[in-house]
Amino acid sequence: MRREPRPLTARQEAVLAVIRSSLAEHGHGPTVREIGELVGLSSTSSVAHQLGRLEARGLIARTGRDWSTCVLGEEPAARRPGLRSRETGAGADGYGRRPAP
């Protein structure tokens, strides 16, 4: 059984908003200290933890070693239980059914 991802916490959403804003305004991600200042976290370790959680979910990715090199990723869409895939190869008719021989 596959578990659905948990929704983002308020702090994670705030960190993501700061990153989006910095990317739009400056073309690069903010530093860990800048994120902490804007979100209200005084510990750089707690900011790094939040960034690590966002990276693990695929919402951000680093292009270099520093967090200021982060770019936005995409969270995979949550699948609704009970619905079949209509992806290519899901079956001859797209519903998982194969034609009768």
Protein backbone atom coordinates (compact mmCIF):
# COMPACT_ATOMS: atom_id res chain seq x y z
CA MET A 1 0.00 0.00 0.00
CA ARG A 2 1.39 3.38 -0.98
CA ARG A 3 1.17 6.25 1.49
CA GLU A 4 0.14 9.70 0.35
CA PRO A 5 2.62 12.47 1.11
CA ARG A 6 1.86 14.65 4.10
CA PRO A 7 0.89 18.24 3.41
CA LEU A 8 3.56 20.86 3.89
CA THR A 9 3.85 22.44 7.32
CA ALA A 10 3.33 26.19 7.67
CA ARG A 11 7.07 26.66 8.17
CA GLN A 12 7.90 24.62 5.05
CA GLU A 13 5.45 26.70 3.03
CA ALA A 14 7.02 29.89 4.37
CA VAL A 15 10.52 28.70 3.43
CA LEU A 16 9.30 27.72 -0.03
CA ALA A 17 7.65 31.14 -0.46
CA VAL A 18 10.92 32.89 0.47
CA ILE A 19 12.80 30.78 -2.08
CA ARG A 20 10.22 31.48 -4.81
CA SER A 21 10.36 35.20 -4.06
CA SER A 22 14.17 35.30 -4.13
CA LEU A 23 14.33 33.36 -7.39
CA ALA A 24 11.81 35.72 -8.99
CA GLU A 25 13.50 38.91 -7.73
CA HIS A 26 17.19 38.04 -7.86
CA GLY A 27 17.49 34.99 -10.09
CA HIS A 28 19.12 32.88 -7.37
CA GLY A 29 18.09 31.35 -4.09
CA PRO A 30 18.52 33.08 -0.72
CA THR A 31 21.23 32.15 1.77
CA VAL A 32 20.39 30.05 4.81
CA ARG A 33 20.73 33.13 7.03
CA GLU A 34 18.42 35.17 4.79
CA ILE A 35 15.78 32.44 4.92
CA GLY A 36 16.08 32.24 8.70
CA GLU A 37 15.70 35.99 9.05
CA LEU A 38 12.63 36.16 6.79
CA VAL A 39 10.91 33.10 8.26
CA GLY A 40 11.78 33.79 11.89
CA LEU A 41 14.26 30.99 12.55
CA SER A 42 17.38 32.01 14.45
CA SER A 43 19.23 28.70 14.02
CA THR A 44 20.85 27.98 10.67
CA SER A 45 20.60 24.31 11.56
CA SER A 46 16.80 24.50 11.74
CA VAL A 47 16.71 26.28 8.37
CA ALA A 48 18.95 23.58 6.87
CA HIS A 49 16.62 20.93 8.30
CA GLN A 50 13.60 22.53 6.61
CA LEU A 51 15.52 22.82 3.34
CA GLY A 52 16.53 19.16 3.60
CA ARG A 53 12.90 18.11 4.05
CA LEU A 54 11.86 20.17 1.00
CA GLU A 55 14.71 18.66 -1.01
CA ALA A 56 13.69 15.14 0.04
CA ARG A 57 10.18 15.82 -1.26
CA GLY A 58 11.56 17.03 -4.57
CA LEU A 59 10.26 20.58 -4.15
CA ILE A 60 13.73 22.09 -4.36
CA ALA A 61 17.07 20.89 -5.66
CA ARG A 62 20.59 22.27 -5.42
CA THR A 63 22.70 22.83 -8.50
CA GLY A 64 25.81 23.32 -6.37
CA ARG A 65 26.99 22.70 -2.84
CA ASP A 66 25.32 25.72 -1.20
CA TRP A 67 21.62 26.13 -0.54
CA SER A 68 21.67 29.47 -2.36
CA THR A 69 22.02 27.45 -5.59
CA CYS A 70 18.61 25.84 -5.11
CA VAL A 71 16.02 25.72 -7.85
CA LEU A 72 12.37 24.79 -7.64
CA GLY A 73 11.33 21.22 -8.38
CA GLU A 74 7.88 19.73 -8.64
CA GLU A 75 6.07 17.58 -6.15
CA PRO A 76 4.49 14.59 -7.87
CA ALA A 77 0.73 14.85 -8.02
CA ALA A 78 -0.98 12.76 -5.37
CA ARG A 79 -2.81 9.81 -6.87
CA ARG A 80 -6.35 9.26 -5.80
CA PRO A 81 -7.02 5.73 -4.58
CA GLY A 82 -9.32 3.58 -6.65
CA LEU A 83 -8.65 5.26 -9.99
CA ARG A 84 -6.80 3.44 -12.71
CA SER A 85 -4.02 4.97 -14.69
CA ARG A 86 -4.63 6.07 -18.27
CA GLU A 87 -0.93 6.20 -19.00
CA THR A 88 0.53 4.69 -22.14
CA GLY A 89 0.79 0.94 -21.75
CA ALA A 90 -1.97 0.77 -19.13
CA GLY A 91 -3.97 -1.43 -21.45
CA ALA A 92 -5.25 -1.49 -24.96
CA ASP A 93 -8.14 0.84 -24.16
CA GLY A 94 -6.38 2.99 -21.55
CA TYR A 95 -8.33 1.50 -18.64
CA GLY A 96 -6.14 -1.50 -17.95
CA ARG A 97 -8.35 -3.89 -19.93
CA ARG A 98 -6.87 -6.08 -22.61
CA PRO A 99 -8.82 -7.03 -25.72
CA ALA A 100 -10.33 -10.48 -25.79
CA PRO A 101 -8.19 -13.03 -27.72
